[in-house]
PDB file of N, CA and C in Angstrom:
ATOM      1  N   MET A   1       7.848  18.044   5.733  1.00  0.00           N
ATOM      2  CA  MET A   1       8.418  17.711   4.761  1.00  0.00           C
ATOM      3  C   MET A   1       6.761  17.855   3.909  1.00  0.00           C
ATOM      4  N   GLU A   2       6.644  18.045   2.572  1.00  0.00           N
ATOM      5  CA  GLU A   2       5.492  18.510   1.536  1.00  0.00           C
ATOM      6  C   GLU A   2       5.486  16.441   0.909  1.00  0.00           C
ATOM      7  N   LYS A   3       4.132  16.679   1.365  1.00  0.00           N
ATOM      8  CA  LYS A   3       3.879  15.098   0.635  1.00  0.00           C
ATOM      9  C   LYS A   3       3.549  15.299  -0.826  1.00  0.00           C
ATOM     10  N   THR A   4       3.597  13.990  -1.513  1.00  0.00           N
ATOM     11  CA  THR A   4       3.163  13.462  -2.883  1.00  0.00           C
ATOM     12  C   THR A   4       1.835  13.394  -3.461  1.00  0.00           C
ATOM     13  N   VAL A   5       1.276  14.270  -4.181  1.00  0.00           N
ATOM     14  CA  VAL A   5      -0.176  14.429  -4.464  1.00  0.00           C
ATOM     15  C   VAL A   5      -0.184  13.721  -5.387  1.00  0.00           C
ATOM     16  N   VAL A   6      -1.108  12.412  -4.858  1.00  0.00           N
ATOM     17  CA  VAL A   6      -1.300  11.238  -6.385  1.00  0.00           C
ATOM     18  C   VAL A   6      -2.693  11.683  -6.521  1.00  0.00           C
ATOM     19  N   ARG A   7      -2.837  12.772  -7.546  1.00  0.00           N
ATOM     20  CA  ARG A   7      -4.490  12.979  -8.075  1.00  0.00           C
ATOM     21  C   ARG A   7      -5.304  11.816  -9.303  1.00  0.00           C
ATOM     22  N   LEU A   8      -6.403  11.678  -9.409  1.00  0.00           N
ATOM     23  CA  LEU A   8      -7.306  10.878 -10.142  1.00  0.00           C
ATOM     24  C   LEU A   8      -8.542  12.132 -10.585  1.00  0.00           C
ATOM     25  N   PHE A   9      -8.296  12.259 -11.434  1.00  0.00           N
ATOM     26  CA  PHE A   9      -9.820  12.627 -12.672  1.00  0.00           C
ATOM     27  C   PHE A   9     -10.562  11.747 -13.450  1.00  0.00           C
ATOM     28  N   TYR A  10     -11.750  11.614 -12.914  1.00  0.00           N
ATOM     29  CA  TYR A  10     -12.504  10.943 -13.769  1.00  0.00           C
ATOM     30  C   TYR A  10     -14.178  11.199 -14.178  1.00  0.00           C
ATOM     31  N   ALA A  11     -14.590  10.177 -14.945  1.00  0.00           N
ATOM     32  CA  ALA A  11     -15.884  10.785 -15.436  1.00  0.00           C
ATOM     33  C   ALA A  11     -16.012   9.781 -14.668  1.00  0.00           C
ATOM     34  N   SER A  12     -17.690  10.379 -13.982  1.00  0.00           N
ATOM     35  CA  SER A  12     -18.600   9.193 -13.231  1.00  0.00           C
ATOM     36  C   SER A  12     -19.715   8.794 -14.345  1.00  0.00           C
ATOM     37  N   GLY A  13     -19.715   7.520 -14.188  1.00  0.00           N
ATOM     38  CA  GLY A  13     -20.459   6.615 -14.986  1.00  0.00           C
ATOM     39  C   GLY A  13     -22.349   6.855 -14.729  1.00  0.00           C
ATOM     40  N   CYS A  14     -22.512   7.482 -13.399  1.00  0.00           N
ATOM     41  CA  CYS A  14     -23.854   7.919 -13.031  1.00  0.00           C
ATOM     42  C   CYS A  14     -24.325   9.161 -13.593  1.00  0.00           C
ATOM     43  N   ALA A  15     -25.104   9.662 -13.690  1.00  0.00           N
ATOM     44  CA  ALA A  15     -26.002  11.172 -13.848  1.00  0.00           C
ATOM     45  C   ALA A  15     -26.632  11.274 -13.302  1.00  0.00           C
ATOM     46  N   GLY A  16     -26.404  11.603 -12.104  1.00  0.00           N
ATOM     47  CA  GLY A  16     -27.681  12.250 -10.328  1.00  0.00           C
ATOM     48  C   GLY A  16     -28.285  11.318 -10.076  1.00  0.00           C
ATOM     49  N   GLY A  17     -27.569  10.640  -8.726  1.00  0.00           N
ATOM     50  CA  GLY A  17     -28.317   9.742  -8.205  1.00  0.00           C
ATOM     51  C   GLY A  17     -27.523   8.159  -8.311  1.00  0.00           C
ATOM     52  N   CYS A  18     -28.200   7.599  -7.585  1.00  0.00           N
ATOM     53  CA  CYS A  18     -27.903   6.084  -7.981  1.00  0.00           C
ATOM     54  C   CYS A  18     -28.195   5.420  -8.916  1.00  0.00           C
ATOM     55  N   CYS A  19     -27.960   5.006  -9.779  1.00  0.00           N
ATOM     56  CA  CYS A  19     -28.688   3.932 -10.917  1.00  0.00           C
ATOM     57  C   CYS A  19     -28.100   2.519 -10.300  1.00  0.00           C
ATOM     58  N   GLY A  20     -27.249   2.384  -9.397  1.00  0.00           N
ATOM     59  CA  GLY A  20     -26.873   0.883  -9.296  1.00  0.00           C
ATOM     60  C   GLY A  20     -25.680   0.348 -10.622  1.00  0.00           C
ATOM     61  N   CYS A  21     -25.244   0.715 -10.567  1.00  0.00           N
ATOM     62  CA  CYS A  21     -24.369   0.660 -12.089  1.00  0.00           C
ATOM     63  C   CYS A  21     -22.982  -0.046 -11.318  1.00  0.00           C
ATOM     64  N   GLY A  22     -22.737   0.740 -10.109  1.00  0.00           N
ATOM     65  CA  GLY A  22     -21.437  -0.056  -9.089  1.00  0.00           C
ATOM     66  C   GLY A  22     -20.308   0.983  -9.339  1.00  0.00           C
ATOM     67  N   PRO A  23     -19.441   0.717  -8.456  1.00  0.00           N
ATOM     68  CA  PRO A  23     -18.243   1.769  -8.344  1.00  0.00           C
ATOM     69  C   PRO A  23     -17.228   1.774  -9.792  1.00  0.00           C
ATOM     70  N   ASN A  24     -17.444   3.243  -9.947  1.00  0.00           N
ATOM     71  CA  ASN A  24     -16.921   3.322 -10.934  1.00  0.00           C
ATOM     72  C   ASN A  24     -15.271   2.912 -10.908  1.00  0.00           C
ATOM     73  N   LYS A  25     -15.046   1.558 -12.402  1.00  0.00           N
ATOM     74  CA  LYS A  25     -13.960   1.260 -12.409  1.00  0.00           C
ATOM     75  C   LYS A  25     -12.267   1.613 -12.143  1.00  0.00           C
ATOM     76  N   ASP A  26     -12.525   3.002 -12.781  1.00  0.00           N
ATOM     77  CA  ASP A  26     -11.532   3.632 -12.779  1.00  0.00           C
ATOM     78  C   ASP A  26     -10.911   4.273 -11.052  1.00  0.00           C
ATOM     79  N   ALA A  27     -11.766   4.147 -10.458  1.00  0.00           N
ATOM     80  CA  ALA A  27     -12.362   4.826  -9.146  1.00  0.00           C
ATOM     81  C   ALA A  27     -11.261   3.429  -8.135  1.00  0.00           C
ATOM     82  N   VAL A  28     -11.412   2.103  -7.865  1.00  0.00           N
ATOM     83  CA  VAL A  28     -11.286   1.293  -7.782  1.00  0.00           C
ATOM     84  C   VAL A  28     -10.260   0.977  -7.967  1.00  0.00           C
ATOM     85  N   ALA A  29      -9.240   1.222  -9.476  1.00  0.00           N
ATOM     86  CA  ALA A  29      -8.145   0.843  -9.568  1.00  0.00           C
ATOM     87  C   ALA A  29      -7.009   1.943  -9.235  1.00  0.00           C
ATOM     88  N   PHE A  30      -7.815   3.061  -9.517  1.00  0.00           N
ATOM     89  CA  PHE A  30      -6.635   4.412  -8.266  1.00  0.00           C
ATOM     90  C   PHE A  30      -7.076   3.898  -6.655  1.00  0.00           C
ATOM     91  N   GLU A  31      -7.833   3.411  -6.026  1.00  0.00           N
ATOM     92  CA  GLU A  31      -7.753   3.136  -4.713  1.00  0.00           C
ATOM     93  C   GLU A  31      -6.923   1.749  -4.981  1.00  0.00           C
ATOM     94  N   GLN A  32      -6.530   0.701  -5.912  1.00  0.00           N
ATOM     95  CA  GLN A  32      -5.600  -0.406  -5.359  1.00  0.00           C
ATOM     96  C   GLN A  32      -4.304   0.648  -5.644  1.00  0.00           C
ATOM     97  N   ALA A  33      -4.250   0.992  -6.948  1.00  0.00           N
ATOM     98  CA  ALA A  33      -3.219   1.472  -6.777  1.00  0.00           C
ATOM     99  C   ALA A  33      -2.447   2.167  -5.706  1.00  0.00           C
ATOM    100  N   ALA A  34      -3.313   2.968  -5.210  1.00  0.00           N
ATOM    101  CA  ALA A  34      -2.845   4.268  -3.500  1.00  0.00           C
ATOM    102  C   ALA A  34      -2.553   3.025  -2.452  1.00  0.00           C
ATOM    103  N   ALA A  35      -2.902   1.964  -2.473  1.00  0.00           N
ATOM    104  CA  ALA A  35      -3.185   1.022  -1.526  1.00  0.00           C
ATOM    105  C   ALA A  35      -1.352   0.862  -1.458  1.00  0.00           C
ATOM    106  N   LYS A  36      -1.104   0.234  -2.564  1.00  0.00           N
ATOM    107  CA  LYS A  36      -0.056  -0.403  -2.689  1.00  0.00           C
ATOM    108  C   LYS A  36       1.162   0.800  -2.573  1.00  0.00           C
ATOM    109  N   LEU A  37       0.821   1.513  -3.188  1.00  0.00           N
ATOM    110  CA  LEU A  37       2.036   2.833  -3.152  1.00  0.00           C
ATOM    111  C   LEU A  37       2.257   3.549  -1.301  1.00  0.00           C
ATOM    112  N   VAL A  38       1.090   3.029  -0.538  1.00  0.00           N
ATOM    113  CA  VAL A  38       1.019   3.523   1.303  1.00  0.00           C
ATOM    114  C   VAL A  38       2.129   2.213   1.315  1.00  0.00           C
ATOM    115  N   GLU A  39       1.703   1.049   0.477  1.00  0.00           N
ATOM    116  CA  GLU A  39       2.467   0.148   1.086  1.00  0.00           C
ATOM    117  C   GLU A  39       4.413   0.315   1.139  1.00  0.00           C
ATOM    118  N   LYS A  40       4.671   0.229  -0.103  1.00  0.00           N
ATOM    119  CA  LYS A  40       5.682   0.505  -0.929  1.00  0.00           C
ATOM    120  C   LYS A  40       6.433   2.163  -0.117  1.00  0.00           C
ATOM    121  N   PHE A  41       5.811   3.476  -0.251  1.00  0.00           N
ATOM    122  CA  PHE A  41       6.937   4.591   0.228  1.00  0.00           C
ATOM    123  C   PHE A  41       6.666   5.158   1.479  1.00  0.00           C
ATOM    124  N   GLY A  42       5.290   4.484   1.999  1.00  0.00           N
ATOM    125  CA  GLY A  42       4.543   5.308   3.229  1.00  0.00           C
ATOM    126  C   GLY A  42       3.629   6.081   3.092  1.00  0.00           C
ATOM    127  N   GLU A  43       3.014   5.915   4.296  1.00  0.00           N
ATOM    128  CA  GLU A  43       1.566   7.320   4.411  1.00  0.00           C
ATOM    129  C   GLU A  43       2.035   7.908   4.629  1.00  0.00           C
ATOM    130  N   ASP A  44       3.259   9.004   5.103  1.00  0.00           N
ATOM    131  CA  ASP A  44       3.774  10.415   5.622  1.00  0.00           C
ATOM    132  C   ASP A  44       3.929  10.921   4.754  1.00  0.00           C
ATOM    133  N   LYS A  45       4.229  10.450   3.414  1.00  0.00           N
ATOM    134  CA  LYS A  45       4.728  10.742   2.422  1.00  0.00           C
ATOM    135  C   LYS A  45       3.903  10.705   1.017  1.00  0.00           C
ATOM    136  N   LEU A  46       2.582  10.301   1.519  1.00  0.00           N
ATOM    137  CA  LEU A  46       2.254  10.094  -0.010  1.00  0.00           C
ATOM    138  C   LEU A  46       0.538  11.044   0.583  1.00  0.00           C
ATOM    139  N   SER A  47      -0.407  11.541  -0.876  1.00  0.00           N
ATOM    140  CA  SER A  47      -1.189  11.998  -0.240  1.00  0.00           C
ATOM    141  C   SER A  47      -2.391  11.774  -1.582  1.00  0.00           C
ATOM    142  N   PHE A  48      -3.562  11.217  -1.417  1.00  0.00           N
ATOM    143  CA  PHE A  48      -4.326  10.819  -2.603  1.00  0.00           C
ATOM    144  C   PHE A  48      -5.016  11.654  -2.937  1.00  0.00           C
ATOM    145  N   GLU A  49      -5.790  12.092  -4.100  1.00  0.00           N
ATOM    146  CA  GLU A  49      -6.958  12.841  -4.186  1.00  0.00           C
ATOM    147  C   GLU A  49      -7.854  12.439  -5.288  1.00  0.00           C
ATOM    148  N   ALA A  50      -9.111  12.754  -5.450  1.00  0.00           N
ATOM    149  CA  ALA A  50      -9.330  12.111  -6.500  1.00  0.00           C
ATOM    150  C   ALA A  50     -11.003  12.637  -7.241  1.00  0.00           C
ATOM    151  N   TYR A  51     -11.784  13.273  -8.005  1.00  0.00           N
ATOM    152  CA  TYR A  51     -12.154  14.381  -8.647  1.00  0.00           C
ATOM    153  C   TYR A  51     -13.293  13.448  -9.862  1.00  0.00           C
ATOM    154  N   ASN A  52     -14.251  13.582 -10.052  1.00  0.00           N
ATOM    155  CA  ASN A  52     -15.085  13.347 -10.762  1.00  0.00           C
ATOM    156  C   ASN A  52     -15.518  14.614 -11.703  1.00  0.00           C
ATOM    157  N   SER A  53     -14.963  15.384 -11.577  1.00  0.00           N
ATOM    158  CA  SER A  53     -15.307  16.984 -12.915  1.00  0.00           C
ATOM    159  C   SER A  53     -13.633  17.577 -12.809  1.00  0.00           C
ATOM    160  N   PHE A  54     -13.353  18.349 -13.626  1.00  0.00           N
ATOM    161  CA  PHE A  54     -12.053  19.386 -13.716  1.00  0.00           C
ATOM    162  C   PHE A  54     -12.453  20.660 -13.293  1.00  0.00           C
ATOM    163  N   ASP A  55     -10.912  21.373 -12.719  1.00  0.00           N
ATOM    164  CA  ASP A  55     -11.558  22.407 -12.283  1.00  0.00           C
ATOM    165  C   ASP A  55     -10.312  22.900 -12.372  1.00  0.00           C
ATOM    166  N   LEU A  56     -10.015  23.750 -14.154  1.00  0.00           N
ATOM    167  CA  LEU A  56      -8.836  24.314 -15.002  1.00  0.00           C
ATOM    168  C   LEU A  56      -8.448  25.305 -14.452  1.00  0.00           C
ATOM    169  N   LYS A  57      -8.917  25.793 -13.377  1.00  0.00           N
ATOM    170  CA  LYS A  57      -8.542  27.056 -12.733  1.00  0.00           C
ATOM    171  C   LYS A  57      -7.584  27.051 -11.447  1.00  0.00           C
ATOM    172  N   LYS A  58      -8.580  25.897 -10.803  1.00  0.00           N
ATOM    173  CA  LYS A  58      -7.378  25.394  -9.716  1.00  0.00           C
ATOM    174  C   LYS A  58      -6.737  24.278  -9.735  1.00  0.00           C
ATOM    175  N   PHE A  59      -6.465  23.584 -11.200  1.00  0.00           N
ATOM    176  CA  PHE A  59      -5.598  22.189 -11.843  1.00  0.00           C
ATOM    177  C   PHE A  59      -4.995  22.909 -13.633  1.00  0.00           C
ATOM    178  N   GLN A  60      -4.264  24.110 -13.020  1.00  0.00           N
ATOM    179  CA  GLN A  60      -4.058  24.585 -14.835  1.00  0.00           C
ATOM    180  C   GLN A  60      -2.763  23.446 -15.352  1.00  0.00           C
ATOM    181  N   PHE A  61      -2.462  22.805 -14.896  1.00  0.00           N
ATOM    182  CA  PHE A  61      -1.716  21.978 -15.538  1.00  0.00           C
ATOM    183  C   PHE A  61      -2.229  21.060 -16.102  1.00  0.00           C
ATOM    184  N   LEU A  62      -3.949  21.010 -16.129  1.00  0.00           N
ATOM    185  CA  LEU A  62      -4.205  19.798 -16.667  1.00  0.00           C
ATOM    186  C   LEU A  62      -4.400  20.639 -18.065  1.00  0.00           C
ATOM    187  N   LYS A  63      -4.243  21.406 -18.465  1.00  0.00           N
ATOM    188  CA  LYS A  63      -4.375  22.307 -19.843  1.00  0.00           C
ATOM    189  C   LYS A  63      -2.914  21.655 -20.645  1.00  0.00           C
ATOM    190  N   GLU A  64      -2.582  21.520 -20.242  1.00  0.00           N
ATOM    191  CA  GLU A  64      -0.696  20.902 -21.073  1.00  0.00           C
ATOM    192  C   GLU A  64      -1.573  19.337 -21.271  1.00  0.00           C
ATOM    193  N   ALA A  65      -2.044  18.726 -20.858  1.00  0.00           N
ATOM    194  CA  ALA A  65      -3.371  17.472 -21.088  1.00  0.00           C
ATOM    195  C   ALA A  65      -4.572  17.590 -21.786  1.00  0.00           C
ATOM    196  N   ALA A  66      -4.746  18.500 -22.350  1.00  0.00           N
ATOM    197  CA  ALA A  66      -6.017  18.905 -23.415  1.00  0.00           C
ATOM    198  C   ALA A  66      -5.447  19.102 -24.984  1.00  0.00           C
ATOM    199  N   SER A  67      -6.391  18.468 -25.445  1.00  0.00           N
ATOM    200  CA  SER A  67      -6.912  18.136 -27.096  1.00  0.00           C
ATOM    201  C   SER A  67      -6.623  19.613 -27.328  1.00  0.00           C
ATOM    202  N   PRO A  68      -6.576  19.689 -28.775  1.00  0.00           N
ATOM    203  CA  PRO A  68      -6.323  21.083 -29.211  1.00  0.00           C
ATOM    204  C   PRO A  68      -7.892  21.577 -29.470  1.00  0.00           C
ATOM    205  N   ALA A  69      -9.102  20.767 -29.273  1.00  0.00           N
ATOM    206  CA  ALA A  69     -10.242  21.207 -29.050  1.00  0.00           C
ATOM    207  C   ALA A  69     -10.587  21.605 -27.599  1.00  0.00           C
ATOM    208  N   GLY A  70      -9.560  21.043 -26.680  1.00  0.00           N
ATOM    209  CA  GLY A  70      -9.841  21.988 -25.268  1.00  0.00           C
ATOM    210  C   GLY A  70      -9.908  20.247 -24.247  1.00  0.00           C
ATOM    211  N   ARG A  71     -10.852  19.779 -25.291  1.00  0.00           N
ATOM    212  CA  ARG A  71     -10.543  18.354 -24.338  1.00  0.00           C
ATOM    213  C   ARG A  71      -9.659  17.553 -23.261  1.00  0.00           C
ATOM    214  N   ILE A  72      -9.939  16.764 -22.486  1.00  0.00           N
ATOM    215  CA  ILE A  72      -9.283  16.044 -22.265  1.00  0.00           C
ATOM    216  C   ILE A  72      -9.869  14.858 -21.513  1.00  0.00           C
ATOM    217  N   ALA A  73      -8.958  14.132 -22.067  1.00  0.00           N
ATOM    218  CA  ALA A  73      -9.648  12.577 -21.907  1.00  0.00           C
ATOM    219  C   ALA A  73      -9.358  11.886 -20.163  1.00  0.00           C
ATOM    220  N   VAL A  74      -9.929  11.150 -19.737  1.00  0.00           N
ATOM    221  CA  VAL A  74     -10.151  10.693 -18.521  1.00  0.00           C
ATOM    222  C   VAL A  74     -10.270   9.188 -19.056  1.00  0.00           C
ATOM    223  N   PRO A  75      -9.930   8.355 -17.921  1.00  0.00           N
ATOM    224  CA  PRO A  75      -9.423   8.854 -16.117  1.00  0.00           C
ATOM    225  C   PRO A  75      -8.121   9.276 -17.007  1.00  0.00           C
ATOM    226  N   LEU A  76      -7.693  10.812 -15.886  1.00  0.00           N
ATOM    227  CA  LEU A  76      -6.196  10.896 -15.940  1.00  0.00           C
ATOM    228  C   LEU A  76      -5.947  11.101 -14.682  1.00  0.00           C
ATOM    229  N   VAL A  77      -4.413  10.431 -14.472  1.00  0.00           N
ATOM    230  CA  VAL A  77      -3.998  10.089 -13.355  1.00  0.00           C
ATOM    231  C   VAL A  77      -2.512  11.878 -13.268  1.00  0.00           C
ATOM    232  N   SER A  78      -2.285  11.929 -11.737  1.00  0.00           N
ATOM    233  CA  SER A  78      -0.753  12.668 -11.909  1.00  0.00           C
ATOM    234  C   SER A  78      -0.262  12.829 -10.721  1.00  0.00           C
ATOM    235  N   VAL A  79       0.706  13.141 -10.969  1.00  0.00           N
ATOM    236  CA  VAL A  79       1.814  12.939  -9.636  1.00  0.00           C
ATOM    237  C   VAL A  79       2.370  14.349  -8.916  1.00  0.00           C
ATOM    238  N   ASN A  80       1.973  15.161  -8.255  1.00  0.00           N
ATOM    239  CA  ASN A  80       1.909  16.394  -8.165  1.00  0.00           C
ATOM    240  C   ASN A  80       1.936  17.672  -9.555  1.00  0.00           C
ATOM    241  N   GLU A  81       1.762  18.177  -9.736  1.00  0.00           N
ATOM    242  CA  GLU A  81       1.464  18.055 -11.230  1.00  0.00           C
ATOM    243  C   GLU A  81       2.092  17.642 -13.075  1.00  0.00           C
ATOM    244  N   LYS A  82       2.121  16.620 -12.424  1.00  0.00           N
ATOM    245  CA  LYS A  82       2.553  16.307 -13.681  1.00  0.00           C
ATOM    246  C   LYS A  82       2.034  14.549 -13.847  1.00  0.00           C
ATOM    247  N   VAL A  83       1.203  14.927 -15.660  1.00  0.00           N
ATOM    248  CA  VAL A  83       0.149  14.294 -15.612  1.00  0.00           C
ATOM    249  C   VAL A  83       0.598  12.799 -16.143  1.00  0.00           C
ATOM    250  N   VAL A  84       0.977  11.853 -15.669  1.00  0.00           N
ATOM    251  CA  VAL A  84       1.204  10.597 -15.624  1.00  0.00           C
ATOM    252  C   VAL A  84       0.432   9.942 -16.772  1.00  0.00           C
ATOM    253  N   ALA A  85      -0.476   9.968 -16.636  1.00  0.00           N
ATOM    254  CA  ALA A  85      -1.547   9.147 -17.707  1.00  0.00           C
ATOM    255  C   ALA A  85      -2.966  10.047 -18.246  1.00  0.00           C
ATOM    256  N   ALA A  86      -3.392  10.052 -19.477  1.00  0.00           N
ATOM    257  CA  ALA A  86      -4.435  10.553 -19.724  1.00  0.00           C
ATOM    258  C   ALA A  86      -5.140   9.894 -20.502  1.00  0.00           C
ATOM    259  N   GLY A  87      -6.864   9.025 -20.438  1.00  0.00           N
ATOM    260  CA  GLY A  87      -7.693   8.508 -21.513  1.00  0.00           C
ATOM    261  C   GLY A  87      -7.787   7.025 -21.093  1.00  0.00           C
ATOM    262  N   LYS A  88      -6.522   6.590 -20.265  1.00  0.00           N
ATOM    263  CA  LYS A  88      -6.475   5.408 -19.366  1.00  0.00           C
ATOM    264  C   LYS A  88      -6.052   4.984 -17.709  1.00  0.00           C
ATOM    265  N   MET A  89      -5.999   4.049 -17.122  1.00  0.00           N
ATOM    266  CA  MET A  89      -5.602   4.506 -15.833  1.00  0.00           C
ATOM    267  C   MET A  89      -4.065   3.740 -16.218  1.00  0.00           C
ATOM    268  N   PRO A  90      -3.433   4.517 -15.366  1.00  0.00           N
ATOM    269  CA  PRO A  90      -2.019   3.833 -15.783  1.00  0.00           C
ATOM    270  C   PRO A  90      -1.381   2.233 -15.357  1.00  0.00           C
ATOM    271  N   SER A  91      -0.322   2.328 -15.648  1.00  0.00           N
ATOM    272  CA  SER A  91      -0.344   0.459 -14.958  1.00  0.00           C
ATOM    273  C   SER A  91       0.916   1.400 -13.739  1.00  0.00           C
ATOM    274  N   PHE A  92       0.474   0.200 -12.668  1.00  0.00           N
ATOM    275  CA  PHE A  92       1.376   0.491 -11.262  1.00  0.00           C
ATOM    276  C   PHE A  92       3.070   0.653 -11.286  1.00  0.00           C
ATOM    277  N   SER A  93       3.459   0.410 -12.508  1.00  0.00           N
ATOM    278  CA  SER A  93       5.018   0.647 -12.275  1.00  0.00           C
ATOM    279  C   SER A  93       4.845   1.859 -12.582  1.00  0.00           C
ATOM    280  N   GLU A  94       4.167   2.426 -13.596  1.00  0.00           N
ATOM    281  CA  GLU A  94       4.292   3.655 -14.483  1.00  0.00           C
ATOM    282  C   GLU A  94       3.891   4.829 -13.144  1.00  0.00           C
ATOM    283  N   LEU A  95       3.007   4.300 -12.356  1.00  0.00           N
ATOM    284  CA  LEU A  95       3.240   5.640 -11.600  1.00  0.00           C
ATOM    285  C   LEU A  95       3.638   5.006 -10.319  1.00  0.00           C
ATOM    286  N   GLU A  96       3.899   4.072  -9.578  1.00  0.00           N
ATOM    287  CA  GLU A  96       5.721   3.669  -8.774  1.00  0.00           C
ATOM    288  C   GLU A  96       6.290   4.389  -9.416  1.00  0.00           C
ATOM    289  N   LYS A  97       6.834   4.776 -10.579  1.00  0.00           N
ATOM    290  CA  LYS A  97       7.950   4.971 -10.959  1.00  0.00           C
ATOM    291  C   LYS A  97       7.870   6.419 -10.633  1.00  0.00           C
ATOM    292  N   GLN A  98       6.934   7.029 -10.991  1.00  0.00           N
ATOM    293  CA  GLN A  98       6.912   8.776 -10.979  1.00  0.00           C
ATOM    294  C   GLN A  98       6.639   9.157  -9.480  1.00  0.00           C
ATOM    295  N   VAL A  99       6.088   8.465  -8.788  1.00  0.00           N
ATOM    296  CA  VAL A  99       5.937   8.512  -7.333  1.00  0.00           C
ATOM    297  C   VAL A  99       7.089   8.760  -6.873  1.00  0.00           C
ATOM    298  N   GLY A 100       7.779   7.790  -6.697  1.00  0.00           N
ATOM    299  CA  GLY A 100       9.384   7.874  -6.360  1.00  0.00           C
ATOM    300  C   GLY A 100       9.928   8.824  -7.387  1.00  0.00           C
ATOM    301  N   LYS A 101      10.337   9.142  -8.502  1.00  0.00           N
ATOM    302  CA  LYS A 101      11.329  10.348  -8.908  1.00  0.00           C
ATOM    303  C   LYS A 101      10.662  11.895  -7.985  1.00  0.00           C
ATOM    304  N   SER A 102       9.116  11.865  -7.676  1.00  0.00           N
ATOM    305  CA  SER A 102       8.987  13.021  -6.717  1.00  0.00           C
ATOM    306  C   SER A 102       9.046  12.967  -5.399  1.00  0.00           C
ATOM    307  N   LEU A 103       9.341  11.632  -4.660  1.00  0.00           N
ATOM    308  CA  LEU A 103       9.568  11.696  -3.258  1.00  0.00           C
ATOM    309  C   LEU A 103      11.596  12.271  -3.799  1.00  0.00           C
ATOM    310  N   ARG A 104      12.445  11.530  -4.521  1.00  0.00           N
ATOM    311  CA  ARG A 104      13.843  11.954  -4.741  1.00  0.00           C
ATOM    312  C   ARG A 104      13.853  13.260  -5.116  1.00  0.00           C
ATOM    313  N   LYS A 105      13.327  14.376  -5.532  1.00  0.00           N
ATOM    314  CA  LYS A 105      13.118  15.459  -5.441  1.00  0.00           C
ATOM    315  C   LYS A 105      12.339  16.327  -4.096  1.00  0.00           C
ATOM    316  N   ALA A 106      11.980  15.453  -3.689  1.00  0.00           N
ATOM    317  CA  ALA A 106      11.497  15.861  -2.424  1.00  0.00           C
ATOM    318  C   ALA A 106      12.553  15.750  -1.150  1.00  0.00           C
ATOM    319  N   ASP A 107      13.782  14.614  -1.536  1.00  0.00           N
ATOM    320  CA  ASP A 107      14.457  15.348  -0.407  1.00  0.00           C
ATOM    321  C   ASP A 107      15.787  15.350  -0.470  1.00  0.00           C
TER     322      ASP A 107
END
């Protein structure tokens, strides 16, 4: 069975090296949501990835979330190749709903 992939794309608050600004709040929120999703759906069905940059060649589905000027709002969260939220972290219920839909399709 292929796993459902939940991805976070975010902007790092630190430019080069550790500046003591602490962990990225979006990455922390993503980790917390990931733990809850694993608890609900099981680790064997899910995969999580986080990126602090965009590779539009690798993730072409991100182009649909771009503004007319070609900018992508961060943080951006996707489930497989569907953008769940851009410019904000989605609520847990939003993310849970999209992951559930993806898992039902995979069955």
